[in-house]
């Protein structure tokens, strides 16, 4: 199965929770290289652990 976003670079702002986090996870499963940004350090740590 071809990954829709394979080899694409994507920046997600607000990636620590909610829609931003869900978008980040989906893009990763679709093969994208994701640079995830959020203002909350705690959200970053939790998101990284979930990856």
Protein backbone atom coordinates (compact mmCIF):
# COMPACT_ATOMS: atom_id res chain seq x y z
CA UNK A 1 0.00 0.00 0.00
CA UNK A 2 1.36 3.40 -0.98
CA UNK A 3 1.74 5.92 1.82
CA UNK A 4 0.02 9.16 0.88
CA UNK A 5 2.58 11.54 2.44
CA UNK A 6 5.76 9.51 1.96
CA UNK A 7 8.90 11.66 1.67
CA UNK A 8 6.96 14.88 2.41
CA UNK A 9 8.16 17.31 5.09
CA UNK A 10 5.38 18.68 7.28
CA UNK A 11 5.30 21.21 10.13
CA UNK A 12 2.47 20.81 12.65
CA UNK A 13 1.87 23.67 15.07
CA UNK A 14 -0.04 22.78 18.24
CA UNK A 15 1.08 19.16 18.05
CA UNK A 16 1.03 18.56 21.80
CA UNK A 17 -2.66 17.75 22.09
CA UNK A 18 -6.01 17.59 20.39
CA UNK A 19 -6.32 17.95 16.64
CA UNK A 20 -2.64 18.86 16.25
CA UNK A 21 -1.54 15.68 18.00
CA UNK A 22 -3.97 13.54 16.00
CA UNK A 23 -2.78 15.16 12.77
CA UNK A 24 0.85 14.51 13.71
CA UNK A 25 0.16 10.84 14.45
CA UNK A 26 -1.74 10.36 11.18
CA UNK A 27 0.95 12.04 9.10
CA UNK A 28 3.61 9.84 10.69
CA UNK A 29 1.64 6.69 9.87
CA UNK A 30 1.27 7.95 6.29
CA UNK A 31 5.05 8.26 5.92
CA UNK A 32 5.59 12.01 6.39
CA UNK A 33 8.62 13.51 8.10
CA UNK A 34 7.01 15.67 10.79
CA UNK A 35 8.40 18.62 12.72
CA UNK A 36 5.96 18.94 15.62
CA UNK A 37 5.71 22.22 17.57
CA UNK A 38 3.74 23.17 20.68
CA UNK A 39 4.08 25.88 23.33
CA UNK A 40 3.57 23.50 26.25
CA UNK A 41 6.68 21.58 27.30
CA UNK A 42 4.56 19.05 29.21
CA UNK A 43 2.52 18.31 26.09
CA UNK A 44 5.73 17.75 24.13
CA UNK A 45 7.00 15.21 26.62
CA UNK A 46 3.71 13.30 26.67
CA UNK A 47 3.49 13.35 22.86
CA UNK A 48 7.02 12.05 22.42
CA UNK A 49 6.36 9.22 24.87
CA UNK A 50 3.24 8.26 22.89
CA UNK A 51 5.19 8.05 19.60
